[in-house]
């Protein structure tokens, strides 16, 4: 009986640790940008990658887009732009292994900031 109790306690402990390690936050959404080397209508073109650095998926990822004015069109399924917010990936989940990438053209580089997301841990 004692080995069963020890096994149960060990499994409970591992389960607790895995839940602690899978907690996600909005801060797990990171944005990296780099110049492509091209100009679009006289504006610098930027390659932008939105990544989720957590094991849990994050959907309905919204960025603060106040002041964002690109001279290059962006597929709205990748980045849907409203007056103040941008919805990433049509609201679909962003997984740890699948970043979302798009390019835009603006001077200077725009400072995208995540403002909300829906976190789903299984």
PDB file of N, CA and C in Angstrom:
ATOM      1  N   UNK A   1       0.822  -1.192   0.000  1.00  0.00           N
ATOM      2  CA  UNK A   1       0.000   0.000   0.000  1.00  0.00           C
ATOM      3  C   UNK A   1       0.862   1.252   0.000  1.00  0.00           C
ATOM      4  N   UNK A   2       1.960   1.215   0.702  1.00  0.00           N
ATOM      5  CA  UNK A   2       2.828   2.387   0.778  1.00  0.00           C
ATOM      6  C   UNK A   2       3.396   2.773  -0.584  1.00  0.00           C
ATOM      7  N   UNK A   3       3.833   1.815  -1.441  1.00  0.00           N
ATOM      8  CA  UNK A   3       4.335   2.205  -2.765  1.00  0.00           C
ATOM      9  C   UNK A   3       3.263   2.906  -3.602  1.00  0.00           C
ATOM     10  N   UNK A   4       2.009   2.474  -3.486  1.00  0.00           N
ATOM     11  CA  UNK A   4       0.922   3.115  -4.233  1.00  0.00           C
ATOM     12  C   UNK A   4       0.723   4.555  -3.775  1.00  0.00           C
ATOM     13  N   UNK A   5       0.799   4.774  -2.487  1.00  0.00           N
ATOM     14  CA  UNK A   5       0.643   6.127  -1.952  1.00  0.00           C
ATOM     15  C   UNK A   5       1.782   7.024  -2.422  1.00  0.00           C
ATOM     16  N   UNK A   6       3.002   6.469  -2.450  1.00  0.00           N
ATOM     17  CA  UNK A   6       4.148   7.253  -2.923  1.00  0.00           C
ATOM     18  C   UNK A   6       4.001   7.585  -4.405  1.00  0.00           C
ATOM     19  N   UNK A   7       3.543   6.612  -5.190  1.00  0.00           N
ATOM     20  CA  UNK A   7       3.341   6.836  -6.624  1.00  0.00           C
ATOM     21  C   UNK A   7       2.275   7.907  -6.847  1.00  0.00           C
ATOM     22  N   UNK A   8       1.177   7.819  -6.107  1.00  0.00           N
ATOM     23  CA  UNK A   8       0.113   8.815  -6.225  1.00  0.00           C
ATOM     24  C   UNK A   8       0.633  10.204  -5.868  1.00  0.00           C
ATOM     25  N   UNK A   9       1.388  10.302  -4.798  1.00  0.00           N
ATOM     26  CA  UNK A   9       1.945  11.593  -4.385  1.00  0.00           C
ATOM     27  C   UNK A   9       2.900  12.139  -5.444  1.00  0.00           C
ATOM     28  N   UNK A  10       3.703  11.263  -6.033  1.00  0.00           N
ATOM     29  CA  UNK A  10       4.645  11.697  -7.077  1.00  0.00           C
ATOM     30  C   UNK A  10       3.892  12.188  -8.307  1.00  0.00           C
ATOM     31  N   UNK A  11       2.855  11.462  -8.717  1.00  0.00           N
ATOM     32  CA  UNK A  11       2.061  11.885  -9.876  1.00  0.00           C
ATOM     33  C   UNK A  11       1.351  13.208  -9.612  1.00  0.00           C
ATOM     34  N   UNK A  12       0.839  13.369  -8.413  1.00  0.00           N
ATOM     35  CA  UNK A  12       0.184  14.623  -8.044  1.00  0.00           C
ATOM     36  C   UNK A  12       1.178  15.776  -8.090  1.00  0.00           C
ATOM     37  N   UNK A  13       2.375  15.564  -7.601  1.00  0.00           N
ATOM     38  CA  UNK A  13       3.418  16.591  -7.611  1.00  0.00           C
ATOM     39  C   UNK A  13       3.804  16.968  -9.040  1.00  0.00           C
ATOM     40  N   UNK A  14       3.998  15.969  -9.911  1.00  0.00           N
ATOM     41  CA  UNK A  14       4.352  16.230 -11.312  1.00  0.00           C
ATOM     42  C   UNK A  14       3.221  16.976 -12.015  1.00  0.00           C
ATOM     43  N   UNK A  15       1.986  16.589 -11.729  1.00  0.00           N
ATOM     44  CA  UNK A  15       0.837  17.282 -12.315  1.00  0.00           C
ATOM     45  C   UNK A  15       0.812  18.744 -11.889  1.00  0.00           C
ATOM     46  N   UNK A  16       1.091  18.996 -10.624  1.00  0.00           N
ATOM     47  CA  UNK A  16       1.136  20.368 -10.115  1.00  0.00           C
ATOM     48  C   UNK A  16       2.231  21.162 -10.813  1.00  0.00           C
ATOM     49  N   UNK A  17       3.409  20.567 -10.961  1.00  0.00           N
ATOM     50  CA  UNK A  17       4.520  21.255 -11.625  1.00  0.00           C
ATOM     51  C   UNK A  17       4.203  21.560 -13.080  1.00  0.00           C
ATOM     52  N   UNK A  18       3.602  20.618 -13.788  1.00  0.00           N
ATOM     53  CA  UNK A  18       3.320  20.851 -15.209  1.00  0.00           C
ATOM     54  C   UNK A  18       2.283  21.946 -15.382  1.00  0.00           C
ATOM     55  N   UNK A  19       1.315  22.053 -14.480  1.00  0.00           N
ATOM     56  CA  UNK A  19       0.343  23.146 -14.563  1.00  0.00           C
ATOM     57  C   UNK A  19       1.014  24.473 -14.274  1.00  0.00           C
ATOM     58  N   UNK A  20       1.920  24.493 -13.326  1.00  0.00           N
ATOM     59  CA  UNK A  20       2.637  25.723 -13.017  1.00  0.00           C
ATOM     60  C   UNK A  20       3.490  26.169 -14.197  1.00  0.00           C
ATOM     61  N   UNK A  21       4.124  25.217 -14.882  1.00  0.00           N
ATOM     62  CA  UNK A  21       4.993  25.551 -16.002  1.00  0.00           C
ATOM     63  C   UNK A  21       4.224  25.928 -17.254  1.00  0.00           C
ATOM     64  N   UNK A  22       2.933  25.594 -17.341  1.00  0.00           N
ATOM     65  CA  UNK A  22       2.178  25.884 -18.547  1.00  0.00           C
ATOM     66  C   UNK A  22       1.360  27.166 -18.430  1.00  0.00           C
ATOM     67  N   UNK A  23       1.490  27.896 -17.350  1.00  0.00           N
ATOM     68  CA  UNK A  23       0.773  29.161 -17.237  1.00  0.00           C
ATOM     69  C   UNK A  23       1.307  30.140 -18.267  1.00  0.00           C
ATOM     70  N   UNK A  24       0.387  30.807 -18.925  1.00  0.00           N
ATOM     71  CA  UNK A  24       0.768  31.792 -19.938  1.00  0.00           C
ATOM     72  C   UNK A  24       0.256  33.163 -19.544  1.00  0.00           C
ATOM     73  N   UNK A  25       0.907  34.146 -20.113  1.00  0.00           N
ATOM     74  CA  UNK A  25       0.533  35.530 -19.868  1.00  0.00           C
ATOM     75  C   UNK A  25       0.593  36.282 -21.186  1.00  0.00           C
ATOM     76  N   UNK A  26      -0.021  37.428 -21.233  1.00  0.00           N
ATOM     77  CA  UNK A  26       0.053  38.272 -22.419  1.00  0.00           C
ATOM     78  C   UNK A  26       1.503  38.589 -22.754  1.00  0.00           C
ATOM     79  N   UNK A  27       2.341  38.677 -21.735  1.00  0.00           N
ATOM     80  CA  UNK A  27       3.762  38.983 -21.960  1.00  0.00           C
ATOM     81  C   UNK A  27       4.497  37.866 -22.709  1.00  0.00           C
ATOM     82  N   UNK A  28       3.864  36.683 -22.856  1.00  0.00           N
ATOM     83  CA  UNK A  28       4.462  35.614 -23.660  1.00  0.00           C
ATOM     84  C   UNK A  28       4.321  35.872 -25.160  1.00  0.00           C
ATOM     85  N   UNK A  29       3.520  36.861 -25.524  1.00  0.00           N
ATOM     86  CA  UNK A  29       3.424  37.272 -26.927  1.00  0.00           C
ATOM     87  C   UNK A  29       4.550  38.269 -27.172  1.00  0.00           C
ATOM     88  N   UNK A  30       5.449  37.926 -28.089  1.00  0.00           N
ATOM     89  CA  UNK A  30       6.568  38.814 -28.399  1.00  0.00           C
ATOM     90  C   UNK A  30       6.513  39.208 -29.868  1.00  0.00           C
ATOM     91  N   UNK A  31       7.050  40.382 -30.144  1.00  0.00           N
ATOM     92  CA  UNK A  31       7.051  40.914 -31.501  1.00  0.00           C
ATOM     93  C   UNK A  31       8.471  41.302 -31.858  1.00  0.00           C
ATOM     94  N   UNK A  32       8.959  40.730 -32.956  1.00  0.00           N
ATOM     95  CA  UNK A  32      10.303  41.047 -33.454  1.00  0.00           C
ATOM     96  C   UNK A  32      10.162  41.650 -34.838  1.00  0.00           C
ATOM     97  N   UNK A  33      10.987  42.648 -35.089  1.00  0.00           N
ATOM     98  CA  UNK A  33      10.943  43.309 -36.385  1.00  0.00           C
ATOM     99  C   UNK A  33      12.351  43.496 -36.932  1.00  0.00           C
ATOM    100  N   UNK A  34      12.443  43.433 -38.243  1.00  0.00           N
ATOM    101  CA  UNK A  34      13.716  43.701 -38.907  1.00  0.00           C
ATOM    102  C   UNK A  34      13.430  44.327 -40.269  1.00  0.00           C
ATOM    103  N   UNK A  35      14.366  45.160 -40.712  1.00  0.00           N
ATOM    104  CA  UNK A  35      14.236  45.776 -42.029  1.00  0.00           C
ATOM    105  C   UNK A  35      14.435  44.715 -43.104  1.00  0.00           C
ATOM    106  N   UNK A  36      13.636  44.807 -44.163  1.00  0.00           N
ATOM    107  CA  UNK A  36      13.800  43.871 -45.279  1.00  0.00           C
ATOM    108  C   UNK A  36      14.851  44.368 -46.263  1.00  0.00           C
ATOM    109  N   UNK A  37      15.153  45.659 -46.225  1.00  0.00           N
ATOM    110  CA  UNK A  37      16.080  46.247 -47.188  1.00  0.00           C
ATOM    111  C   UNK A  37      15.374  46.879 -48.372  1.00  0.00           C
ATOM    112  N   UNK A  38      14.037  46.799 -48.380  1.00  0.00           N
ATOM    113  CA  UNK A  38      13.257  47.378 -49.473  1.00  0.00           C
ATOM    114  C   UNK A  38      12.531  48.637 -49.018  1.00  0.00           C
ATOM    115  N   UNK A  39      12.166  49.454 -49.990  1.00  0.00           N
ATOM    116  CA  UNK A  39      11.349  50.650 -49.760  1.00  0.00           C
ATOM    117  C   UNK A  39      10.035  50.457 -50.521  1.00  0.00           C
ATOM    118  N   UNK A  40       8.932  50.815 -49.901  1.00  0.00           N
ATOM    119  CA  UNK A  40       7.614  50.777 -50.539  1.00  0.00           C
ATOM    120  C   UNK A  40       7.061  52.196 -50.488  1.00  0.00           C
ATOM    121  N   UNK A  41       6.877  52.803 -51.650  1.00  0.00           N
ATOM    122  CA  UNK A  41       6.396  54.192 -51.730  1.00  0.00           C
ATOM    123  C   UNK A  41       7.223  55.112 -50.839  1.00  0.00           C
ATOM    124  N   UNK A  42       8.529  54.901 -50.841  1.00  0.00           N
ATOM    125  CA  UNK A  42       9.438  55.744 -50.076  1.00  0.00           C
ATOM    126  C   UNK A  42       9.521  55.421 -48.590  1.00  0.00           C
ATOM    127  N   UNK A  43       8.835  54.383 -48.156  1.00  0.00           N
ATOM    128  CA  UNK A  43       8.835  53.989 -46.740  1.00  0.00           C
ATOM    129  C   UNK A  43       9.624  52.694 -46.556  1.00  0.00           C
ATOM    130  N   UNK A  44      10.295  52.586 -45.418  1.00  0.00           N
ATOM    131  CA  UNK A  44      11.058  51.376 -45.092  1.00  0.00           C
ATOM    132  C   UNK A  44      10.105  50.205 -44.892  1.00  0.00           C
ATOM    133  N   UNK A  45      10.452  49.061 -45.491  1.00  0.00           N
ATOM    134  CA  UNK A  45       9.645  47.859 -45.300  1.00  0.00           C
ATOM    135  C   UNK A  45      10.203  47.073 -44.112  1.00  0.00           C
ATOM    136  N   UNK A  46       9.297  46.612 -43.256  1.00  0.00           N
ATOM    137  CA  UNK A  46       9.658  45.880 -42.039  1.00  0.00           C
ATOM    138  C   UNK A  46       9.056  44.487 -42.067  1.00  0.00           C
ATOM    139  N   UNK A  47       9.848  43.490 -41.718  1.00  0.00           N
ATOM    140  CA  UNK A  47       9.361  42.131 -41.528  1.00  0.00           C
ATOM    141  C   UNK A  47       9.041  41.975 -40.044  1.00  0.00           C
ATOM    142  N   UNK A  48       7.827  41.564 -39.747  1.00  0.00           N
ATOM    143  CA  UNK A  48       7.363  41.500 -38.360  1.00  0.00           C
ATOM    144  C   UNK A  48       6.908  40.085 -38.029  1.00  0.00           C
ATOM    145  N   UNK A  49       7.362  39.573 -36.891  1.00  0.00           N
ATOM    146  CA  UNK A  49       6.989  38.233 -36.442  1.00  0.00           C
ATOM    147  C   UNK A  49       6.346  38.326 -35.067  1.00  0.00           C
ATOM    148  N   UNK A  50       5.132  37.786 -34.966  1.00  0.00           N
ATOM    149  CA  UNK A  50       4.407  37.720 -33.696  1.00  0.00           C
ATOM    150  C   UNK A  50       4.507  36.281 -33.214  1.00  0.00           C
ATOM    151  N   UNK A  51       5.123  36.087 -32.050  1.00  0.00           N
ATOM    152  CA  UNK A  51       5.350  34.738 -31.512  1.00  0.00           C
ATOM    153  C   UNK A  51       4.676  34.579 -30.161  1.00  0.00           C
ATOM    154  N   UNK A  52       4.295  33.349 -29.873  1.00  0.00           N
ATOM    155  CA  UNK A  52       3.760  32.975 -28.573  1.00  0.00           C
ATOM    156  C   UNK A  52       4.812  32.100 -27.905  1.00  0.00           C
ATOM    157  N   UNK A  53       5.439  32.601 -26.870  1.00  0.00           N
ATOM    158  CA  UNK A  53       6.527  31.886 -26.197  1.00  0.00           C
ATOM    159  C   UNK A  53       6.044  31.104 -24.980  1.00  0.00           C
ATOM    160  N   UNK A  54       4.898  30.455 -25.127  1.00  0.00           N
ATOM    161  CA  UNK A  54       4.360  29.609 -24.063  1.00  0.00           C
ATOM    162  C   UNK A  54       3.818  28.337 -24.700  1.00  0.00           C
ATOM    163  N   UNK A  55       3.750  27.261 -23.938  1.00  0.00           N
ATOM    164  CA  UNK A  55       3.229  26.004 -24.466  1.00  0.00           C
ATOM    165  C   UNK A  55       1.730  26.061 -24.728  1.00  0.00           C
ATOM    166  N   UNK A  56       1.016  26.916 -24.027  1.00  0.00           N
ATOM    167  CA  UNK A  56      -0.423  27.074 -24.243  1.00  0.00           C
ATOM    168  C   UNK A  56      -0.660  27.961 -25.459  1.00  0.00           C
ATOM    169  N   UNK A  57      -1.760  27.731 -26.152  1.00  0.00           N
ATOM    170  CA  UNK A  57      -2.080  28.580 -27.296  1.00  0.00           C
ATOM    171  C   UNK A  57      -2.694  29.898 -26.810  1.00  0.00           C
ATOM    172  N   UNK A  58      -2.578  30.921 -27.642  1.00  0.00           N
ATOM    173  CA  UNK A  58      -3.215  32.208 -27.361  1.00  0.00           C
ATOM    174  C   UNK A  58      -3.965  32.627 -28.621  1.00  0.00           C
ATOM    175  N   UNK A  59      -5.264  32.873 -28.470  1.00  0.00           N
ATOM    176  CA  UNK A  59      -6.092  33.304 -29.590  1.00  0.00           C
ATOM    177  C   UNK A  59      -6.609  34.711 -29.315  1.00  0.00           C
ATOM    178  N   UNK A  60      -7.335  35.259 -30.302  1.00  0.00           N
ATOM    179  CA  UNK A  60      -7.865  36.624 -30.185  1.00  0.00           C
ATOM    180  C   UNK A  60      -6.762  37.596 -29.762  1.00  0.00           C
ATOM    181  N   UNK A  61      -5.570  37.409 -30.311  1.00  0.00           N
ATOM    182  CA  UNK A  61      -4.440  38.277 -29.966  1.00  0.00           C
ATOM    183  C   UNK A  61      -4.651  39.635 -30.622  1.00  0.00           C
ATOM    184  N   UNK A  62      -4.689  40.665 -29.792  1.00  0.00           N
ATOM    185  CA  UNK A  62      -4.874  42.037 -30.279  1.00  0.00           C
ATOM    186  C   UNK A  62      -3.659  42.876 -29.916  1.00  0.00           C
ATOM    187  N   UNK A  63      -3.277  43.725 -30.865  1.00  0.00           N
ATOM    188  CA  UNK A  63      -2.157  44.640 -30.679  1.00  0.00           C
ATOM    189  C   UNK A  63      -2.666  46.066 -30.664  1.00  0.00           C
ATOM    190  N   UNK A  64      -1.969  46.926 -29.935  1.00  0.00           N
ATOM    191  CA  UNK A  64      -2.256  48.358 -29.972  1.00  0.00           C
ATOM    192  C   UNK A  64      -1.741  48.884 -31.307  1.00  0.00           C
ATOM    193  N   UNK A  65      -2.634  49.421 -32.125  1.00  0.00           N
ATOM    194  CA  UNK A  65      -2.251  49.904 -33.459  1.00  0.00           C
ATOM    195  C   UNK A  65      -2.541  51.394 -33.637  1.00  0.00           C
ATOM    196  N   UNK A  66      -2.667  52.117 -32.535  1.00  0.00           N
ATOM    197  CA  UNK A  66      -2.891  53.567 -32.653  1.00  0.00           C
ATOM    198  C   UNK A  66      -1.700  54.212 -33.345  1.00  0.00           C
ATOM    199  N   UNK A  67      -1.965  54.883 -34.477  1.00  0.00           N
ATOM    200  CA  UNK A  67      -0.908  55.546 -35.225  1.00  0.00           C
ATOM    201  C   UNK A  67      -0.275  54.694 -36.305  1.00  0.00           C
ATOM    202  N   UNK A  68      -0.721  53.458 -36.457  1.00  0.00           N
ATOM    203  CA  UNK A  68      -0.156  52.570 -37.471  1.00  0.00           C
ATOM    204  C   UNK A  68      -0.704  52.960 -38.841  1.00  0.00           C
ATOM    205  N   UNK A  69       0.203  53.289 -39.772  1.00  0.00           N
ATOM    206  CA  UNK A  69      -0.199  53.713 -41.117  1.00  0.00           C
ATOM    207  C   UNK A  69       0.771  53.134 -42.138  1.00  0.00           C
ATOM    208  N   UNK A  70       0.506  51.941 -42.585  1.00  0.00           N
ATOM    209  CA  UNK A  70       1.380  51.290 -43.558  1.00  0.00           C
ATOM    210  C   UNK A  70       1.027  51.716 -44.978  1.00  0.00           C
ATOM    211  N   UNK A  71       2.041  51.815 -45.829  1.00  0.00           N
ATOM    212  CA  UNK A  71       1.804  52.101 -47.247  1.00  0.00           C
ATOM    213  C   UNK A  71       1.739  50.809 -48.055  1.00  0.00           C
ATOM    214  N   UNK A  72       1.874  49.681 -47.386  1.00  0.00           N
ATOM    215  CA  UNK A  72       1.792  48.368 -48.032  1.00  0.00           C
ATOM    216  C   UNK A  72       0.592  47.627 -47.462  1.00  0.00           C
ATOM    217  N   UNK A  73      -0.212  47.046 -48.336  1.00  0.00           N
ATOM    218  CA  UNK A  73      -1.386  46.328 -47.839  1.00  0.00           C
ATOM    219  C   UNK A  73      -0.967  45.038 -47.129  1.00  0.00           C
ATOM    220  N   UNK A  74      -1.757  44.679 -46.120  1.00  0.00           N
ATOM    221  CA  UNK A  74      -1.525  43.465 -45.326  1.00  0.00           C
ATOM    222  C   UNK A  74      -2.797  42.632 -45.402  1.00  0.00           C
ATOM    223  N   UNK A  75      -2.646  41.345 -45.622  1.00  0.00           N
ATOM    224  CA  UNK A  75      -3.790  40.438 -45.656  1.00  0.00           C
ATOM    225  C   UNK A  75      -4.549  40.557 -44.330  1.00  0.00           C
ATOM    226  N   UNK A  76      -5.843  40.938 -44.367  1.00  0.00           N
ATOM    227  CA  UNK A  76      -6.596  41.104 -43.111  1.00  0.00           C
ATOM    228  C   UNK A  76      -6.779  39.808 -42.330  1.00  0.00           C
ATOM    229  N   UNK A  77      -6.559  38.654 -42.958  1.00  0.00           N
ATOM    230  CA  UNK A  77      -6.606  37.398 -42.206  1.00  0.00           C
ATOM    231  C   UNK A  77      -5.356  37.235 -41.342  1.00  0.00           C
ATOM    232  N   UNK A  78      -4.293  37.949 -41.694  1.00  0.00           N
ATOM    233  CA  UNK A  78      -3.060  37.924 -40.905  1.00  0.00           C
ATOM    234  C   UNK A  78      -3.059  39.055 -39.883  1.00  0.00           C
ATOM    235  N   UNK A  79      -3.447  40.257 -40.331  1.00  0.00           N
ATOM    236  CA  UNK A  79      -3.500  41.411 -39.432  1.00  0.00           C
ATOM    237  C   UNK A  79      -4.673  42.285 -39.849  1.00  0.00           C
ATOM    238  N   UNK A  80      -5.763  42.222 -39.082  1.00  0.00           N
ATOM    239  CA  UNK A  80      -6.949  43.035 -39.347  1.00  0.00           C
ATOM    240  C   UNK A  80      -6.810  44.343 -38.575  1.00  0.00           C
ATOM    241  N   UNK A  81      -6.743  45.447 -39.305  1.00  0.00           N
ATOM    242  CA  UNK A  81      -6.450  46.751 -38.710  1.00  0.00           C
ATOM    243  C   UNK A  81      -7.735  47.548 -38.531  1.00  0.00           C
ATOM    244  N   UNK A  82      -7.958  48.032 -37.298  1.00  0.00           N
ATOM    245  CA  UNK A  82      -9.039  48.982 -37.034  1.00  0.00           C
ATOM    246  C   UNK A  82      -8.383  50.291 -36.619  1.00  0.00           C
ATOM    247  N   UNK A  83      -9.169  51.223 -36.122  1.00  0.00           N
ATOM    248  CA  UNK A  83      -8.618  52.524 -35.731  1.00  0.00           C
ATOM    249  C   UNK A  83      -7.537  52.414 -34.665  1.00  0.00           C
ATOM    250  N   UNK A  84      -7.769  51.578 -33.659  1.00  0.00           N
ATOM    251  CA  UNK A  84      -6.842  51.540 -32.522  1.00  0.00           C
ATOM    252  C   UNK A  84      -6.246  50.164 -32.246  1.00  0.00           C
ATOM    253  N   UNK A  85      -6.829  49.123 -32.840  1.00  0.00           N
ATOM    254  CA  UNK A  85      -6.375  47.760 -32.558  1.00  0.00           C
ATOM    255  C   UNK A  85      -6.116  46.991 -33.848  1.00  0.00           C
ATOM    256  N   UNK A  86      -5.292  45.960 -33.734  1.00  0.00           N
ATOM    257  CA  UNK A  86      -5.066  45.014 -34.830  1.00  0.00           C
ATOM    258  C   UNK A  86      -5.302  43.609 -34.287  1.00  0.00           C
ATOM    259  N   UNK A  87      -6.110  42.840 -34.990  1.00  0.00           N
ATOM    260  CA  UNK A  87      -6.360  41.447 -34.634  1.00  0.00           C
ATOM    261  C   UNK A  87      -5.410  40.569 -35.445  1.00  0.00           C
ATOM    262  N   UNK A  88      -4.652  39.731 -34.757  1.00  0.00           N
ATOM    263  CA  UNK A  88      -3.639  38.885 -35.394  1.00  0.00           C
ATOM    264  C   UNK A  88      -4.233  37.516 -35.746  1.00  0.00           C
ATOM    265  N   UNK A  89      -3.898  37.016 -36.943  1.00  0.00           N
ATOM    266  CA  UNK A  89      -4.248  35.658 -37.367  1.00  0.00           C
ATOM    267  C   UNK A  89      -5.756  35.418 -37.376  1.00  0.00           C
ATOM    268  N   UNK A  90      -6.524  36.460 -37.701  1.00  0.00           N
ATOM    269  CA  UNK A  90      -7.984  36.361 -37.769  1.00  0.00           C
ATOM    270  C   UNK A  90      -8.587  35.865 -36.449  1.00  0.00           C
ATOM    271  N   UNK A  91      -7.874  36.078 -35.338  1.00  0.00           N
ATOM    272  CA  UNK A  91      -8.340  35.652 -34.024  1.00  0.00           C
ATOM    273  C   UNK A  91      -8.066  34.190 -33.712  1.00  0.00           C
ATOM    274  N   UNK A  92      -7.535  33.455 -34.676  1.00  0.00           N
ATOM    275  CA  UNK A  92      -7.245  32.030 -34.466  1.00  0.00           C
ATOM    276  C   UNK A  92      -6.045  31.856 -33.533  1.00  0.00           C
ATOM    277  N   UNK A  93      -5.903  30.683 -32.931  1.00  0.00           N
ATOM    278  CA  UNK A  93      -4.803  30.475 -31.982  1.00  0.00           C
ATOM    279  C   UNK A  93      -3.425  30.656 -32.613  1.00  0.00           C
ATOM    280  N   UNK A  94      -2.537  31.203 -31.816  1.00  0.00           N
ATOM    281  CA  UNK A  94      -1.124  31.252 -32.159  1.00  0.00           C
ATOM    282  C   UNK A  94      -0.454  30.248 -31.235  1.00  0.00           C
ATOM    283  N   UNK A  95       0.180  29.254 -31.842  1.00  0.00           N
ATOM    284  CA  UNK A  95       0.834  28.202 -31.080  1.00  0.00           C
ATOM    285  C   UNK A  95       2.315  28.517 -30.925  1.00  0.00           C
ATOM    286  N   UNK A  96       2.920  27.894 -29.933  1.00  0.00           N
ATOM    287  CA  UNK A  96       4.333  28.110 -29.638  1.00  0.00           C
ATOM    288  C   UNK A  96       5.224  27.866 -30.844  1.00  0.00           C
ATOM    289  N   UNK A  97       4.902  26.890 -31.636  1.00  0.00           N
ATOM    290  CA  UNK A  97       5.768  26.511 -32.753  1.00  0.00           C
ATOM    291  C   UNK A  97       5.401  27.180 -34.077  1.00  0.00           C
ATOM    292  N   UNK A  98       4.383  28.060 -34.066  1.00  0.00           N
ATOM    293  CA  UNK A  98       3.900  28.633 -35.319  1.00  0.00           C
ATOM    294  C   UNK A  98       3.735  30.147 -35.213  1.00  0.00           C
ATOM    295  N   UNK A  99       4.811  30.905 -35.355  1.00  0.00           N
ATOM    296  CA  UNK A  99       4.680  32.362 -35.306  1.00  0.00           C
ATOM    297  C   UNK A  99       3.947  32.894 -36.537  1.00  0.00           C
ATOM    298  N   UNK A 100       3.414  34.084 -36.416  1.00  0.00           N
ATOM    299  CA  UNK A 100       2.710  34.763 -37.502  1.00  0.00           C
ATOM    300  C   UNK A 100       3.627  35.864 -38.025  1.00  0.00           C
ATOM    301  N   UNK A 101       3.796  35.920 -39.341  1.00  0.00           N
ATOM    302  CA  UNK A 101       4.718  36.881 -39.944  1.00  0.00           C
ATOM    303  C   UNK A 101       3.998  37.723 -40.989  1.00  0.00           C
ATOM    304  N   UNK A 102       4.319  39.015 -41.008  1.00  0.00           N
ATOM    305  CA  UNK A 102       3.794  39.912 -42.037  1.00  0.00           C
ATOM    306  C   UNK A 102       4.809  41.020 -42.278  1.00  0.00           C
ATOM    307  N   UNK A 103       4.642  41.726 -43.388  1.00  0.00           N
ATOM    308  CA  UNK A 103       5.490  42.882 -43.675  1.00  0.00           C
ATOM    309  C   UNK A 103       4.603  44.109 -43.824  1.00  0.00           C
ATOM    310  N   UNK A 104       5.176  45.249 -43.490  1.00  0.00           N
ATOM    311  CA  UNK A 104       4.492  46.533 -43.656  1.00  0.00           C
ATOM    312  C   UNK A 104       5.544  47.569 -44.007  1.00  0.00           C
ATOM    313  N   UNK A 105       5.092  48.741 -44.432  1.00  0.00           N
ATOM    314  CA  UNK A 105       6.017  49.819 -44.781  1.00  0.00           C
ATOM    315  C   UNK A 105       5.577  51.095 -44.076  1.00  0.00           C
ATOM    316  N   UNK A 106       6.469  51.625 -43.256  1.00  0.00           N
ATOM    317  CA  UNK A 106       6.188  52.847 -42.494  1.00  0.00           C
ATOM    318  C   UNK A 106       7.506  53.394 -41.970  1.00  0.00           C
ATOM    319  N   UNK A 107       7.596  54.689 -41.876  1.00  0.00           N
ATOM    320  CA  UNK A 107       8.742  55.353 -41.235  1.00  0.00           C
ATOM    321  C   UNK A 107       8.221  56.185 -40.077  1.00  0.00           C
ATOM    322  N   UNK A 108       8.814  56.016 -38.893  1.00  0.00           N
ATOM    323  CA  UNK A 108       9.794  54.997 -38.507  1.00  0.00           C
ATOM    324  C   UNK A 108       9.095  53.664 -38.239  1.00  0.00           C
ATOM    325  N   UNK A 109       9.865  52.692 -37.772  1.00  0.00           N
ATOM    326  CA  UNK A 109       9.316  51.384 -37.389  1.00  0.00           C
ATOM    327  C   UNK A 109       8.201  51.598 -36.380  1.00  0.00           C
ATOM    328  N   UNK A 110       7.094  50.859 -36.523  1.00  0.00           N
ATOM    329  CA  UNK A 110       5.976  50.975 -35.588  1.00  0.00           C
ATOM    330  C   UNK A 110       6.208  50.052 -34.397  1.00  0.00           C
ATOM    331  N   UNK A 111       5.905  50.543 -33.212  1.00  0.00           N
ATOM    332  CA  UNK A 111       6.106  49.773 -31.984  1.00  0.00           C
ATOM    333  C   UNK A 111       4.805  49.061 -31.598  1.00  0.00           C
ATOM    334  N   UNK A 112       4.589  47.864 -32.155  1.00  0.00           N
ATOM    335  CA  UNK A 112       3.399  47.078 -31.824  1.00  0.00           C
ATOM    336  C   UNK A 112       3.498  46.595 -30.383  1.00  0.00           C
ATOM    337  N   UNK A 113       2.356  46.663 -29.672  1.00  0.00           N
ATOM    338  CA  UNK A 113       2.312  46.161 -28.292  1.00  0.00           C
ATOM    339  C   UNK A 113       1.080  45.283 -28.124  1.00  0.00           C
ATOM    340  N   UNK A 114       1.241  44.071 -27.586  1.00  0.00           N
ATOM    341  CA  UNK A 114       0.073  43.229 -27.302  1.00  0.00           C
ATOM    342  C   UNK A 114      -0.796  43.884 -26.227  1.00  0.00           C
ATOM    343  N   UNK A 115      -2.121  43.862 -26.446  1.00  0.00           N
ATOM    344  CA  UNK A 115      -3.019  44.447 -25.443  1.00  0.00           C
ATOM    345  C   UNK A 115      -4.000  43.433 -24.867  1.00  0.00           C
ATOM    346  N   UNK A 116      -4.249  42.327 -25.595  1.00  0.00           N
ATOM    347  CA  UNK A 116      -5.131  41.298 -25.036  1.00  0.00           C
ATOM    348  C   UNK A 116      -5.002  39.998 -25.819  1.00  0.00           C
ATOM    349  N   UNK A 117      -5.403  38.907 -25.159  1.00  0.00           N
ATOM    350  CA  UNK A 117      -5.449  37.586 -25.798  1.00  0.00           C
ATOM    351  C   UNK A 117      -6.300  36.660 -24.940  1.00  0.00           C
ATOM    352  N   UNK A 118      -6.708  35.554 -25.543  1.00  0.00           N
ATOM    353  CA  UNK A 118      -7.411  34.488 -24.834  1.00  0.00           C
ATOM    354  C   UNK A 118      -6.439  33.312 -24.728  1.00  0.00           C
ATOM    355  N   UNK A 119      -6.143  32.906 -23.507  1.00  0.00           N
ATOM    356  CA  UNK A 119      -5.165  31.842 -23.275  1.00  0.00           C
ATOM    357  C   UNK A 119      -5.899  30.521 -23.058  1.00  0.00           C
ATOM    358  N   UNK A 120      -5.434  29.472 -23.738  1.00  0.00           N
ATOM    359  CA  UNK A 120      -6.056  28.151 -23.609  1.00  0.00           C
ATOM    360  C   UNK A 120      -4.986  27.104 -23.312  1.00  0.00           C
ATOM    361  N   UNK A 121      -5.007  26.595 -22.078  1.00  0.00           N
ATOM    362  CA  UNK A 121      -4.084  25.532 -21.675  1.00  0.00           C
ATOM    363  C   UNK A 121      -4.878  24.241 -21.516  1.00  0.00           C
ATOM    364  N   UNK A 122      -4.365  23.166 -22.062  1.00  0.00           N
ATOM    365  CA  UNK A 122      -5.064  21.869 -21.958  1.00  0.00           C
ATOM    366  C   UNK A 122      -4.500  21.051 -20.827  1.00  0.00           C
TER     367      UNK A 122
END
